[in-house]
Each structure stands twice: as C-alpha cells, then as structure tokens.
Amino acid sequence: MSSLASESPQHLLIFAREPVLGRVKTRLAADIGPEAALEVYRELLYLTAAAVTTAEVPATVWLAEAPHPTADAAQPRPEWPGLPWRVQPPADLLGERMAHAFGEAFATGAGRVVIIGTDCPGLQPAILQQAFAALETHDLVVGPAEDGGYYLLGLRELQPALFANKDWSTATVLPDTLADAARLGLRVAQLPVLHDVDSARDLAAWRG
C-alpha cells in the first residue's frame, strides 16, 4: 500500500474520440441515427471540456484514433483548447489502453492520477476536484455510473489488476473493480453516482 501523497502533482487523463460521423456513440446512433448521435457527442465533449477547464487541473487528452487528416501533435485539438493530446496505443482492450495512460502519467512524476471519459453530462468541476482530494487519503477513487460501470477512476500508483479481466461496457465493471480493490487492500473512496449517455433511453433521461 502506498504512502499518503497529499503534495503529489495531480494529472487528469481524458479518453475521447474525434467528433467524426459514424465513429462516435455507435449504440446511440443505432437508435437515433449517426448525424443526431454526432451532435449529442459534440455536446458531451463541450460539457466535459468545460468541466475540465473550470476545475483547473493539468490534463492530457488520449484520443482513440489519430486525427484525420494528420494533425500536428504540438497543436491542441479544437474541442480541447489548451490541452495536449496523444493517441491511445493500439491495444484491443480498453483496460490495456487505460493502464498505459496511467503508467505514462506516473512515469512523468504525477502522484495522483484520475481518468474520465466523455459520456457523462453530469460531470462537474467540483467532482473532479473532489476526486483528487480523495486521493490524499485513499488509494483508489471511483465515480460509479448508473449502468454499473464507472465514469471516473483515480489512483496514487498503477494497479494493473484493476484493468485486467473485465467485461468492459457491462454492468460488472464496477463490482469487479471494487472486488479487486478489496483483495488488494486498497482504501477506496466513492463519488456520487452519475448517468452516462450511451443509448436513446439514456438520452431521454438526460433531456428529461
């Protein structure tokens, strides 16, 4: 178990996609069409970027695919003004890509690292700040999603087991992650439960 790291530099990892027709929110697109799904995704990107900017935490965007046409990595992407970006490694499993991003952050000196996606319209700057604060006294912080996954995960050191043997995008992700944390003896903090937007039903709940 790691020692307390209240003074450690903090870093936010954002897993995102470029807003490209037919490449985003495919489950939602099956319900409402790819054009409408793209507009929803653009809105989610805007809300996430606004929360990150207001929270004022150092952050890196990890894109699922390289921008097309080829972009200058030294220039921020339009959706993420002021933020550096990288491309996720070509691993098949989400857990492998997440573990890689965490490892990169810790290797560059971060002591409290948090990862988020771009599917949670209820993500607020205060929740991001609360997550980093929780890592002052806990080894793991998790933001449970209503669907059984999580919208946020934070660590003080890389824990490979948390990213292995998971059925990603299913309702088992959160309970399996918490079970791993208990087995490893990690001190866990949980944030408020929030909703992701992955389907037409989720979208209706959000709009409602």
N, C-alpha and C. Protein backbone atom coordinates (compact mmCIF):
# COMPACT_ATOMS: atom_id res chain seq x y z
N MET A 1 0.85 -1.20 0.00
CA MET A 1 0.00 0.00 0.00
C MET A 1 0.89 1.24 0.00
N SER A 2 0.53 2.21 -0.82
CA SER A 2 1.37 3.39 -0.96
C SER A 2 1.20 4.33 0.24
N SER A 3 2.19 5.19 0.44
CA SER A 3 2.09 6.19 1.49
C SER A 3 1.22 7.34 1.03
N LEU A 4 0.83 8.20 1.96
CA LEU A 4 0.00 9.33 1.61
C LEU A 4 0.74 10.25 0.65
N ALA A 5 -0.03 10.87 -0.26
CA ALA A 5 0.60 11.66 -1.32
C ALA A 5 -0.10 13.00 -1.48
N SER A 6 -0.36 13.68 -0.36
CA SER A 6 -1.16 14.89 -0.41
C SER A 6 -0.51 16.01 -1.21
N GLU A 7 0.84 15.99 -1.29
CA GLU A 7 1.52 17.04 -2.01
C GLU A 7 1.93 16.63 -3.42
N SER A 8 1.51 15.44 -3.84
CA SER A 8 1.93 14.94 -5.15
C SER A 8 1.24 15.69 -6.28
N PRO A 9 1.94 15.92 -7.39
CA PRO A 9 1.30 16.55 -8.54
C PRO A 9 0.13 15.70 -9.02
N GLN A 10 -0.90 16.37 -9.49
CA GLN A 10 -2.07 15.66 -9.97
C GLN A 10 -2.19 15.79 -11.48
N HIS A 11 -2.80 14.78 -12.10
CA HIS A 11 -2.96 14.81 -13.56
C HIS A 11 -4.25 14.11 -13.94
N LEU A 12 -4.96 14.71 -14.90
CA LEU A 12 -6.22 14.17 -15.39
C LEU A 12 -6.02 13.59 -16.78
N LEU A 13 -6.51 12.38 -16.98
CA LEU A 13 -6.49 11.71 -18.28
C LEU A 13 -7.90 11.71 -18.85
N ILE A 14 -8.04 12.13 -20.10
CA ILE A 14 -9.35 12.18 -20.74
C ILE A 14 -9.34 11.24 -21.94
N PHE A 15 -10.14 10.19 -21.88
CA PHE A 15 -10.27 9.29 -23.03
C PHE A 15 -11.41 9.80 -23.90
N ALA A 16 -11.10 10.10 -25.15
CA ALA A 16 -12.07 10.73 -26.03
C ALA A 16 -11.89 10.25 -27.46
N ARG A 17 -12.86 10.60 -28.28
CA ARG A 17 -12.78 10.36 -29.72
C ARG A 17 -12.91 11.69 -30.46
N GLU A 18 -12.37 11.73 -31.64
CA GLU A 18 -12.62 12.87 -32.51
C GLU A 18 -14.09 12.84 -32.93
N PRO A 19 -14.76 13.98 -33.01
CA PRO A 19 -16.18 14.00 -33.39
C PRO A 19 -16.35 13.79 -34.90
N VAL A 20 -16.33 12.53 -35.30
CA VAL A 20 -16.40 12.15 -36.71
C VAL A 20 -17.67 11.33 -36.95
N LEU A 21 -18.41 11.67 -37.97
CA LEU A 21 -19.65 10.97 -38.29
C LEU A 21 -19.40 9.47 -38.46
N GLY A 22 -20.21 8.68 -37.76
CA GLY A 22 -20.11 7.24 -37.87
C GLY A 22 -19.06 6.60 -36.99
N ARG A 23 -18.26 7.41 -36.27
CA ARG A 23 -17.19 6.89 -35.44
C ARG A 23 -17.44 7.10 -33.95
N VAL A 24 -18.54 7.75 -33.60
CA VAL A 24 -18.82 8.05 -32.20
C VAL A 24 -20.24 7.61 -31.83
N LYS A 25 -20.41 7.25 -30.55
CA LYS A 25 -21.72 6.91 -29.98
C LYS A 25 -22.49 5.95 -30.87
N THR A 26 -21.86 4.82 -31.21
CA THR A 26 -22.49 3.89 -32.16
C THR A 26 -23.76 3.26 -31.59
N ARG A 27 -23.79 3.00 -30.29
CA ARG A 27 -25.02 2.45 -29.70
C ARG A 27 -26.14 3.47 -29.80
N LEU A 28 -25.84 4.72 -29.51
CA LEU A 28 -26.85 5.77 -29.62
C LEU A 28 -27.25 5.97 -31.07
N ALA A 29 -26.29 5.89 -31.97
CA ALA A 29 -26.56 6.08 -33.40
C ALA A 29 -27.53 5.03 -33.92
N ALA A 30 -27.47 3.82 -33.36
CA ALA A 30 -28.39 2.77 -33.79
C ALA A 30 -29.83 3.13 -33.45
N ASP A 31 -30.02 3.99 -32.44
CA ASP A 31 -31.36 4.40 -32.02
C ASP A 31 -31.83 5.68 -32.71
N ILE A 32 -30.93 6.66 -32.85
CA ILE A 32 -31.37 7.98 -33.33
C ILE A 32 -30.70 8.42 -34.63
N GLY A 33 -29.81 7.59 -35.16
CA GLY A 33 -29.13 7.93 -36.40
C GLY A 33 -27.77 8.55 -36.14
N PRO A 34 -26.82 8.35 -37.07
CA PRO A 34 -25.45 8.82 -36.84
C PRO A 34 -25.31 10.34 -36.77
N GLU A 35 -26.11 11.08 -37.54
CA GLU A 35 -25.99 12.54 -37.50
C GLU A 35 -26.42 13.09 -36.15
N ALA A 36 -27.55 12.62 -35.65
CA ALA A 36 -28.03 13.08 -34.35
C ALA A 36 -27.08 12.63 -33.24
N ALA A 37 -26.53 11.42 -33.36
CA ALA A 37 -25.60 10.93 -32.35
C ALA A 37 -24.33 11.77 -32.33
N LEU A 38 -23.89 12.21 -33.50
CA LEU A 38 -22.70 13.06 -33.56
C LEU A 38 -22.96 14.39 -32.86
N GLU A 39 -24.13 14.96 -33.04
CA GLU A 39 -24.45 16.22 -32.37
C GLU A 39 -24.49 16.05 -30.85
N VAL A 40 -25.04 14.92 -30.39
CA VAL A 40 -25.03 14.65 -28.95
C VAL A 40 -23.60 14.53 -28.45
N TYR A 41 -22.76 13.84 -29.21
CA TYR A 41 -21.38 13.68 -28.78
C TYR A 41 -20.65 15.02 -28.72
N ARG A 42 -20.91 15.87 -29.69
CA ARG A 42 -20.29 17.21 -29.65
C ARG A 42 -20.70 17.96 -28.38
N GLU A 43 -21.96 17.81 -28.00
CA GLU A 43 -22.43 18.46 -26.78
C GLU A 43 -21.74 17.88 -25.55
N LEU A 44 -21.59 16.56 -25.52
CA LEU A 44 -20.90 15.92 -24.40
C LEU A 44 -19.44 16.35 -24.32
N LEU A 45 -18.79 16.48 -25.47
CA LEU A 45 -17.41 16.97 -25.50
C LEU A 45 -17.32 18.37 -24.91
N TYR A 46 -18.25 19.22 -25.30
CA TYR A 46 -18.25 20.60 -24.81
C TYR A 46 -18.42 20.64 -23.30
N LEU A 47 -19.36 19.85 -22.78
CA LEU A 47 -19.61 19.83 -21.34
C LEU A 47 -18.40 19.30 -20.57
N THR A 48 -17.78 18.25 -21.11
CA THR A 48 -16.61 17.68 -20.44
C THR A 48 -15.45 18.67 -20.45
N ALA A 49 -15.20 19.28 -21.60
CA ALA A 49 -14.10 20.25 -21.70
C ALA A 49 -14.33 21.43 -20.77
N ALA A 50 -15.57 21.87 -20.66
CA ALA A 50 -15.88 23.00 -19.78
C ALA A 50 -15.61 22.64 -18.32
N ALA A 51 -15.99 21.42 -17.93
CA ALA A 51 -15.75 20.98 -16.55
C ALA A 51 -14.26 20.91 -16.26
N VAL A 52 -13.49 20.38 -17.21
CA VAL A 52 -12.05 20.26 -17.03
C VAL A 52 -11.40 21.63 -16.92
N THR A 53 -11.81 22.55 -17.79
CA THR A 53 -11.23 23.90 -17.78
C THR A 53 -11.51 24.59 -16.45
N THR A 54 -12.74 24.48 -15.98
CA THR A 54 -13.12 25.14 -14.73
C THR A 54 -12.42 24.52 -13.53
N ALA A 55 -12.20 23.20 -13.57
CA ALA A 55 -11.55 22.51 -12.45
C ALA A 55 -10.08 22.90 -12.34
N GLU A 56 -9.49 23.38 -13.43
CA GLU A 56 -8.10 23.85 -13.43
C GLU A 56 -7.13 22.78 -12.92
N VAL A 57 -7.20 21.61 -13.54
CA VAL A 57 -6.24 20.55 -13.23
C VAL A 57 -5.46 20.22 -14.50
N PRO A 58 -4.17 19.93 -14.38
CA PRO A 58 -3.40 19.54 -15.56
C PRO A 58 -4.02 18.30 -16.20
N ALA A 59 -4.12 18.30 -17.52
CA ALA A 59 -4.83 17.22 -18.20
C ALA A 59 -4.19 16.88 -19.53
N THR A 60 -4.37 15.64 -19.94
CA THR A 60 -3.96 15.18 -21.26
C THR A 60 -5.13 14.44 -21.89
N VAL A 61 -5.42 14.75 -23.15
CA VAL A 61 -6.46 14.05 -23.90
C VAL A 61 -5.82 12.86 -24.62
N TRP A 62 -6.41 11.69 -24.43
CA TRP A 62 -5.96 10.48 -25.13
C TRP A 62 -7.03 10.10 -26.14
N LEU A 63 -6.74 10.31 -27.42
CA LEU A 63 -7.70 10.04 -28.48
C LEU A 63 -7.69 8.56 -28.87
N ALA A 64 -8.88 8.03 -29.13
CA ALA A 64 -9.00 6.62 -29.51
C ALA A 64 -8.35 6.34 -30.86
N GLU A 65 -8.37 7.32 -31.74
CA GLU A 65 -7.78 7.19 -33.07
C GLU A 65 -7.06 8.48 -33.42
N ALA A 66 -6.06 8.38 -34.27
CA ALA A 66 -5.33 9.56 -34.71
C ALA A 66 -6.25 10.45 -35.54
N PRO A 67 -6.14 11.76 -35.40
CA PRO A 67 -6.97 12.67 -36.20
C PRO A 67 -6.71 12.49 -37.70
N HIS A 68 -7.73 12.70 -38.47
CA HIS A 68 -7.60 12.66 -39.93
C HIS A 68 -8.25 13.91 -40.51
N PRO A 69 -7.53 14.68 -41.31
CA PRO A 69 -6.15 14.45 -41.74
C PRO A 69 -5.16 14.56 -40.59
N THR A 70 -3.95 14.10 -40.85
CA THR A 70 -2.90 14.09 -39.83
C THR A 70 -2.74 15.47 -39.22
N ALA A 71 -2.68 15.51 -37.89
CA ALA A 71 -2.61 16.78 -37.16
C ALA A 71 -1.27 16.92 -36.47
N ASP A 72 -0.88 18.15 -36.23
CA ASP A 72 0.35 18.46 -35.50
C ASP A 72 0.11 18.20 -34.01
N ALA A 73 0.85 17.28 -33.44
CA ALA A 73 0.65 16.93 -32.03
C ALA A 73 0.98 18.08 -31.10
N ALA A 74 1.67 19.08 -31.60
CA ALA A 74 2.00 20.24 -30.76
C ALA A 74 0.86 21.24 -30.69
N GLN A 75 -0.16 21.04 -31.52
CA GLN A 75 -1.30 21.95 -31.54
C GLN A 75 -2.52 21.30 -30.90
N PRO A 76 -3.16 21.96 -29.92
CA PRO A 76 -4.35 21.37 -29.30
C PRO A 76 -5.45 21.12 -30.32
N ARG A 77 -6.26 20.14 -30.05
CA ARG A 77 -7.42 19.86 -30.89
C ARG A 77 -8.49 20.91 -30.64
N PRO A 78 -9.32 21.21 -31.63
CA PRO A 78 -10.32 22.28 -31.48
C PRO A 78 -11.26 22.08 -30.30
N GLU A 79 -11.60 20.84 -30.01
CA GLU A 79 -12.53 20.56 -28.91
C GLU A 79 -11.88 20.67 -27.54
N TRP A 80 -10.55 20.72 -27.53
CA TRP A 80 -9.82 20.69 -26.26
C TRP A 80 -8.80 21.82 -26.21
N PRO A 81 -9.26 23.06 -26.22
CA PRO A 81 -8.32 24.19 -26.26
C PRO A 81 -7.36 24.19 -25.08
N GLY A 82 -6.09 24.34 -25.40
CA GLY A 82 -5.08 24.44 -24.36
C GLY A 82 -4.57 23.12 -23.81
N LEU A 83 -5.15 22.00 -24.24
CA LEU A 83 -4.76 20.71 -23.67
C LEU A 83 -3.90 19.91 -24.64
N PRO A 84 -2.82 19.31 -24.15
CA PRO A 84 -2.04 18.41 -25.00
C PRO A 84 -2.83 17.14 -25.29
N TRP A 85 -2.49 16.47 -26.38
CA TRP A 85 -3.21 15.25 -26.72
C TRP A 85 -2.23 14.19 -27.23
N ARG A 86 -2.64 12.95 -27.07
CA ARG A 86 -1.89 11.82 -27.56
C ARG A 86 -2.89 10.81 -28.13
N VAL A 87 -2.38 9.80 -28.80
CA VAL A 87 -3.23 8.75 -29.36
C VAL A 87 -3.06 7.49 -28.52
N GLN A 88 -4.18 6.89 -28.17
CA GLN A 88 -4.14 5.67 -27.37
C GLN A 88 -3.37 4.57 -28.11
N PRO A 89 -2.65 3.71 -27.39
CA PRO A 89 -1.90 2.64 -28.04
C PRO A 89 -2.86 1.65 -28.71
N PRO A 90 -2.38 0.94 -29.72
CA PRO A 90 -3.25 0.03 -30.48
C PRO A 90 -3.52 -1.29 -29.77
N ALA A 91 -4.06 -1.19 -28.56
CA ALA A 91 -4.42 -2.40 -27.80
C ALA A 91 -5.91 -2.67 -28.00
N ASP A 92 -6.27 -3.95 -28.05
CA ASP A 92 -7.67 -4.31 -28.29
C ASP A 92 -8.56 -3.97 -27.10
N LEU A 93 -8.06 -4.12 -25.89
CA LEU A 93 -8.89 -3.97 -24.71
C LEU A 93 -8.76 -2.58 -24.11
N LEU A 94 -9.89 -2.03 -23.69
CA LEU A 94 -9.90 -0.71 -23.06
C LEU A 94 -9.01 -0.69 -21.84
N GLY A 95 -9.02 -1.75 -21.05
CA GLY A 95 -8.22 -1.78 -19.84
C GLY A 95 -6.73 -1.63 -20.12
N GLU A 96 -6.26 -2.23 -21.20
CA GLU A 96 -4.85 -2.09 -21.56
C GLU A 96 -4.50 -0.65 -21.90
N ARG A 97 -5.39 0.00 -22.62
CA ARG A 97 -5.14 1.39 -23.02
C ARG A 97 -5.17 2.32 -21.80
N MET A 98 -6.10 2.05 -20.88
CA MET A 98 -6.17 2.85 -19.67
C MET A 98 -4.93 2.67 -18.81
N ALA A 99 -4.51 1.42 -18.64
CA ALA A 99 -3.32 1.15 -17.83
C ALA A 99 -2.10 1.84 -18.43
N HIS A 100 -2.02 1.84 -19.75
CA HIS A 100 -0.90 2.51 -20.42
C HIS A 100 -0.90 4.00 -20.10
N ALA A 101 -2.06 4.64 -20.18
CA ALA A 101 -2.15 6.08 -19.93
C ALA A 101 -1.79 6.40 -18.47
N PHE A 102 -2.28 5.59 -17.54
CA PHE A 102 -1.92 5.78 -16.14
C PHE A 102 -0.40 5.63 -15.96
N GLY A 103 0.17 4.59 -16.58
CA GLY A 103 1.59 4.36 -16.45
C GLY A 103 2.41 5.53 -16.97
N GLU A 104 1.98 6.12 -18.08
CA GLU A 104 2.68 7.28 -18.64
C GLU A 104 2.64 8.45 -17.66
N ALA A 105 1.48 8.68 -17.06
CA ALA A 105 1.34 9.81 -16.13
C ALA A 105 2.22 9.61 -14.89
N PHE A 106 2.19 8.42 -14.33
CA PHE A 106 3.01 8.16 -13.15
C PHE A 106 4.50 8.25 -13.49
N ALA A 107 4.87 7.80 -14.68
CA ALA A 107 6.27 7.82 -15.08
C ALA A 107 6.82 9.24 -15.23
N THR A 108 5.94 10.19 -15.48
CA THR A 108 6.38 11.58 -15.64
C THR A 108 6.27 12.37 -14.34
N GLY A 109 5.99 11.68 -13.23
CA GLY A 109 6.06 12.33 -11.94
C GLY A 109 4.75 12.62 -11.25
N ALA A 110 3.62 12.28 -11.86
CA ALA A 110 2.34 12.51 -11.21
C ALA A 110 2.18 11.56 -10.02
N GLY A 111 1.54 12.04 -8.98
CA GLY A 111 1.31 11.21 -7.80
C GLY A 111 -0.15 10.90 -7.56
N ARG A 112 -1.04 11.67 -8.19
CA ARG A 112 -2.48 11.42 -8.11
C ARG A 112 -3.02 11.57 -9.53
N VAL A 113 -3.51 10.47 -10.09
CA VAL A 113 -3.94 10.45 -11.49
C VAL A 113 -5.39 9.98 -11.56
N VAL A 114 -6.18 10.71 -12.33
CA VAL A 114 -7.61 10.42 -12.50
C VAL A 114 -7.91 10.30 -13.98
N ILE A 115 -8.77 9.34 -14.34
CA ILE A 115 -9.18 9.18 -15.73
C ILE A 115 -10.69 9.34 -15.84
N ILE A 116 -11.12 9.98 -16.93
CA ILE A 116 -12.54 10.13 -17.23
C ILE A 116 -12.76 9.86 -18.72
N GLY A 117 -14.01 9.65 -19.09
CA GLY A 117 -14.40 9.58 -20.49
C GLY A 117 -15.15 10.85 -20.85
N THR A 118 -15.99 10.74 -21.88
CA THR A 118 -16.74 11.91 -22.33
C THR A 118 -18.23 11.61 -22.45
N ASP A 119 -18.72 10.63 -21.69
CA ASP A 119 -20.11 10.20 -21.81
C ASP A 119 -21.01 10.70 -20.69
N CYS A 120 -20.46 11.48 -19.76
CA CYS A 120 -21.18 11.80 -18.54
C CYS A 120 -21.51 13.29 -18.48
N PRO A 121 -22.74 13.68 -18.86
CA PRO A 121 -23.08 15.10 -18.87
C PRO A 121 -23.17 15.72 -17.48
N GLY A 122 -23.28 14.89 -16.45
CA GLY A 122 -23.38 15.42 -15.09
C GLY A 122 -22.04 15.67 -14.42
N LEU A 123 -20.96 15.41 -15.13
CA LEU A 123 -19.64 15.65 -14.55
C LEU A 123 -19.43 17.13 -14.30
N GLN A 124 -19.10 17.47 -13.07
CA GLN A 124 -18.92 18.86 -12.68
C GLN A 124 -17.49 19.10 -12.20
N PRO A 125 -17.00 20.34 -12.30
CA PRO A 125 -15.65 20.65 -11.81
C PRO A 125 -15.46 20.22 -10.36
N ALA A 126 -16.48 20.40 -9.53
CA ALA A 126 -16.36 20.04 -8.11
C ALA A 126 -16.12 18.55 -7.93
N ILE A 127 -16.68 17.73 -8.81
CA ILE A 127 -16.47 16.28 -8.70
C ILE A 127 -15.02 15.93 -9.04
N LEU A 128 -14.47 16.59 -10.05
CA LEU A 128 -13.06 16.36 -10.39
C LEU A 128 -12.16 16.77 -9.22
N GLN A 129 -12.45 17.90 -8.64
CA GLN A 129 -11.65 18.36 -7.50
C GLN A 129 -11.82 17.42 -6.31
N GLN A 130 -13.04 16.94 -6.11
CA GLN A 130 -13.30 16.00 -5.02
C GLN A 130 -12.52 14.70 -5.22
N ALA A 131 -12.41 14.27 -6.47
CA ALA A 131 -11.68 13.03 -6.76
C ALA A 131 -10.21 13.16 -6.37
N PHE A 132 -9.58 14.26 -6.77
CA PHE A 132 -8.18 14.44 -6.42
C PHE A 132 -7.99 14.60 -4.92
N ALA A 133 -8.92 15.28 -4.27
CA ALA A 133 -8.84 15.43 -2.82
C ALA A 133 -8.95 14.08 -2.12
N ALA A 134 -9.80 13.21 -2.65
CA ALA A 134 -9.98 11.89 -2.03
C ALA A 134 -8.69 11.08 -2.09
N LEU A 135 -7.88 11.31 -3.12
CA LEU A 135 -6.64 10.55 -3.25
C LEU A 135 -5.57 11.00 -2.26
N GLU A 136 -5.84 12.04 -1.49
CA GLU A 136 -4.91 12.40 -0.42
C GLU A 136 -4.95 11.38 0.71
N THR A 137 -6.09 10.72 0.87
CA THR A 137 -6.25 9.78 1.98
C THR A 137 -6.70 8.39 1.54
N HIS A 138 -6.88 8.19 0.24
CA HIS A 138 -7.32 6.89 -0.27
C HIS A 138 -6.40 6.46 -1.41
N ASP A 139 -6.37 5.15 -1.67
CA ASP A 139 -5.56 4.62 -2.75
C ASP A 139 -6.31 4.64 -4.08
N LEU A 140 -7.63 4.58 -4.01
CA LEU A 140 -8.47 4.49 -5.20
C LEU A 140 -9.71 5.35 -5.00
N VAL A 141 -10.08 6.09 -6.02
CA VAL A 141 -11.35 6.80 -6.02
C VAL A 141 -12.10 6.40 -7.28
N VAL A 142 -13.39 6.17 -7.12
CA VAL A 142 -14.20 5.73 -8.26
C VAL A 142 -15.49 6.51 -8.30
N GLY A 143 -15.92 6.87 -9.51
CA GLY A 143 -17.19 7.52 -9.73
C GLY A 143 -18.16 6.53 -10.36
N PRO A 144 -19.06 5.95 -9.60
CA PRO A 144 -19.96 4.94 -10.15
C PRO A 144 -20.94 5.52 -11.18
N ALA A 145 -21.13 4.79 -12.26
CA ALA A 145 -22.14 5.15 -13.25
C ALA A 145 -23.40 4.34 -12.99
N GLU A 146 -24.51 4.90 -13.34
CA GLU A 146 -25.80 4.25 -13.09
C GLU A 146 -25.90 2.88 -13.77
N ASP A 147 -25.16 2.70 -14.87
CA ASP A 147 -25.27 1.46 -15.64
C ASP A 147 -24.38 0.33 -15.13
N GLY A 148 -23.68 0.56 -14.01
CA GLY A 148 -22.85 -0.48 -13.44
C GLY A 148 -21.38 -0.36 -13.78
N GLY A 149 -21.04 0.63 -14.58
CA GLY A 149 -19.64 0.91 -14.86
C GLY A 149 -19.17 2.06 -13.98
N TYR A 150 -18.16 2.78 -14.46
CA TYR A 150 -17.75 3.98 -13.74
C TYR A 150 -17.40 5.08 -14.74
N TYR A 151 -17.63 6.32 -14.32
CA TYR A 151 -17.33 7.47 -15.17
C TYR A 151 -15.98 8.09 -14.82
N LEU A 152 -15.40 7.65 -13.70
CA LEU A 152 -14.13 8.20 -13.22
C LEU A 152 -13.42 7.16 -12.38
N LEU A 153 -12.09 7.12 -12.54
CA LEU A 153 -11.27 6.26 -11.71
C LEU A 153 -9.98 7.01 -11.41
N GLY A 154 -9.55 6.97 -10.14
CA GLY A 154 -8.33 7.67 -9.76
C GLY A 154 -7.45 6.80 -8.89
N LEU A 155 -6.13 6.96 -9.06
CA LEU A 155 -5.16 6.14 -8.34
C LEU A 155 -3.97 6.97 -7.88
N ARG A 156 -3.25 6.44 -6.88
CA ARG A 156 -1.99 7.04 -6.46
C ARG A 156 -0.80 6.27 -7.00
N GLU A 157 -1.03 5.05 -7.45
CA GLU A 157 0.02 4.28 -8.13
C GLU A 157 -0.68 3.28 -9.03
N LEU A 158 0.02 2.83 -10.06
CA LEU A 158 -0.59 1.92 -11.02
C LEU A 158 -0.96 0.60 -10.34
N GLN A 159 -2.18 0.15 -10.57
CA GLN A 159 -2.68 -1.12 -10.05
C GLN A 159 -3.16 -1.94 -11.25
N PRO A 160 -2.28 -2.72 -11.89
CA PRO A 160 -2.65 -3.43 -13.12
C PRO A 160 -3.88 -4.31 -12.99
N ALA A 161 -4.10 -4.89 -11.83
CA ALA A 161 -5.24 -5.81 -11.66
C ALA A 161 -6.58 -5.11 -11.91
N LEU A 162 -6.64 -3.81 -11.66
CA LEU A 162 -7.90 -3.09 -11.84
C LEU A 162 -8.29 -2.98 -13.31
N PHE A 163 -7.35 -3.21 -14.20
CA PHE A 163 -7.61 -3.04 -15.63
C PHE A 163 -7.62 -4.37 -16.38
N ALA A 164 -7.48 -5.46 -15.66
CA ALA A 164 -7.43 -6.79 -16.28
C ALA A 164 -8.69 -7.59 -15.96
N ASN A 165 -9.02 -8.51 -16.86
CA ASN A 165 -10.12 -9.45 -16.64
C ASN A 165 -11.44 -8.76 -16.36
N LYS A 166 -11.74 -7.74 -17.15
CA LYS A 166 -13.01 -7.02 -17.03
C LYS A 166 -13.82 -7.16 -18.33
N ASP A 167 -15.13 -7.31 -18.18
CA ASP A 167 -16.02 -7.27 -19.35
C ASP A 167 -16.44 -5.82 -19.55
N TRP A 168 -15.62 -5.08 -20.29
CA TRP A 168 -15.83 -3.64 -20.44
C TRP A 168 -17.18 -3.35 -21.08
N SER A 169 -17.75 -2.23 -20.68
CA SER A 169 -19.06 -1.77 -21.18
C SER A 169 -20.19 -2.68 -20.72
N THR A 170 -20.01 -3.33 -19.57
CA THR A 170 -21.10 -4.12 -18.98
C THR A 170 -21.30 -3.68 -17.54
N ALA A 171 -22.37 -4.18 -16.93
CA ALA A 171 -22.71 -3.80 -15.56
C ALA A 171 -21.81 -4.46 -14.52
N THR A 172 -20.87 -5.30 -14.95
CA THR A 172 -19.99 -5.98 -14.00
C THR A 172 -18.70 -5.21 -13.73
N VAL A 173 -18.45 -4.15 -14.48
CA VAL A 173 -17.16 -3.47 -14.38
C VAL A 173 -16.92 -2.89 -12.98
N LEU A 174 -17.88 -2.15 -12.47
CA LEU A 174 -17.70 -1.54 -11.15
C LEU A 174 -17.58 -2.59 -10.05
N PRO A 175 -18.52 -3.55 -9.93
CA PRO A 175 -18.37 -4.53 -8.85
C PRO A 175 -17.08 -5.34 -8.95
N ASP A 176 -16.65 -5.67 -10.17
CA ASP A 176 -15.39 -6.41 -10.32
C ASP A 176 -14.20 -5.55 -9.91
N THR A 177 -14.25 -4.26 -10.23
CA THR A 177 -13.17 -3.36 -9.85
C THR A 177 -13.09 -3.22 -8.34
N LEU A 178 -14.24 -3.07 -7.70
CA LEU A 178 -14.26 -2.95 -6.23
C LEU A 178 -13.81 -4.25 -5.56
N ALA A 179 -14.14 -5.38 -6.17
CA ALA A 179 -13.69 -6.66 -5.62
C ALA A 179 -12.17 -6.77 -5.70
N ASP A 180 -11.60 -6.33 -6.82
CA ASP A 180 -10.14 -6.32 -6.95
C ASP A 180 -9.51 -5.40 -5.90
N ALA A 181 -10.11 -4.24 -5.70
CA ALA A 181 -9.58 -3.28 -4.74
C ALA A 181 -9.59 -3.87 -3.32
N ALA A 182 -10.66 -4.57 -2.98
CA ALA A 182 -10.74 -5.20 -1.66
C ALA A 182 -9.68 -6.28 -1.51
N ARG A 183 -9.48 -7.07 -2.55
CA ARG A 183 -8.47 -8.12 -2.49
C ARG A 183 -7.07 -7.55 -2.33
N LEU A 184 -6.84 -6.38 -2.94
CA LEU A 184 -5.52 -5.73 -2.87
C LEU A 184 -5.34 -4.91 -1.60
N GLY A 185 -6.42 -4.77 -0.82
CA GLY A 185 -6.33 -3.99 0.41
C GLY A 185 -6.26 -2.50 0.18
N LEU A 186 -6.87 -2.02 -0.91
CA LEU A 186 -6.82 -0.60 -1.24
C LEU A 186 -7.91 0.16 -0.48
N ARG A 187 -7.57 1.35 -0.03
CA ARG A 187 -8.56 2.23 0.58
C ARG A 187 -9.34 2.94 -0.54
N VAL A 188 -10.65 2.77 -0.53
CA VAL A 188 -11.49 3.21 -1.65
C VAL A 188 -12.42 4.34 -1.23
N ALA A 189 -12.49 5.38 -2.06
CA ALA A 189 -13.48 6.45 -1.90
C ALA A 189 -14.40 6.42 -3.10
N GLN A 190 -15.71 6.61 -2.85
CA GLN A 190 -16.68 6.62 -3.94
C GLN A 190 -17.32 7.99 -4.06
N LEU A 191 -17.47 8.43 -5.30
CA LEU A 191 -18.09 9.72 -5.62
C LEU A 191 -19.58 9.51 -5.88
N PRO A 192 -20.34 10.59 -6.09
CA PRO A 192 -21.77 10.43 -6.40
C PRO A 192 -22.00 9.62 -7.67
N VAL A 193 -23.09 8.88 -7.69
CA VAL A 193 -23.49 8.12 -8.88
C VAL A 193 -24.01 9.08 -9.94
N LEU A 194 -23.53 8.93 -11.17
CA LEU A 194 -23.97 9.77 -12.28
C LEU A 194 -24.40 8.88 -13.45
N HIS A 195 -25.07 9.50 -14.41
CA HIS A 195 -25.56 8.78 -15.59
C HIS A 195 -24.64 9.01 -16.77
N ASP A 196 -24.33 7.93 -17.49
CA ASP A 196 -23.70 8.03 -18.80
C ASP A 196 -24.79 8.12 -19.87
N VAL A 197 -24.42 8.61 -21.04
CA VAL A 197 -25.35 8.66 -22.17
C VAL A 197 -24.82 7.74 -23.26
N ASP A 198 -25.39 6.55 -23.35
CA ASP A 198 -24.96 5.56 -24.34
C ASP A 198 -26.08 5.10 -25.26
N SER A 199 -27.32 5.35 -24.88
CA SER A 199 -28.46 4.86 -25.65
C SER A 199 -29.55 5.93 -25.71
N ALA A 200 -30.57 5.67 -26.50
CA ALA A 200 -31.69 6.61 -26.60
C ALA A 200 -32.40 6.75 -25.25
N ARG A 201 -32.46 5.66 -24.51
CA ARG A 201 -33.07 5.73 -23.18
C ARG A 201 -32.26 6.64 -22.26
N ASP A 202 -30.94 6.51 -22.31
CA ASP A 202 -30.08 7.41 -21.52
C ASP A 202 -30.28 8.85 -21.94
N LEU A 203 -30.36 9.08 -23.23
CA LEU A 203 -30.52 10.43 -23.75
C LEU A 203 -31.83 11.04 -23.27
N ALA A 204 -32.91 10.24 -23.32
CA ALA A 204 -34.20 10.72 -22.86
C ALA A 204 -34.18 11.06 -21.37
N ALA A 205 -33.48 10.24 -20.59
CA ALA A 205 -33.37 10.50 -19.15
C ALA A 205 -32.62 11.80 -18.90
N TRP A 206 -31.58 12.03 -19.66
CA TRP A 206 -30.80 13.26 -19.53
C TRP A 206 -31.64 14.48 -19.93
N ARG A 207 -32.28 14.40 -21.06
CA ARG A 207 -33.10 15.54 -21.52
C ARG A 207 -34.26 15.80 -20.58
N GLY A 208 -34.74 14.73 -19.97
CA GLY A 208 -35.90 14.87 -19.09
C GLY A 208 -35.54 15.51 -17.77
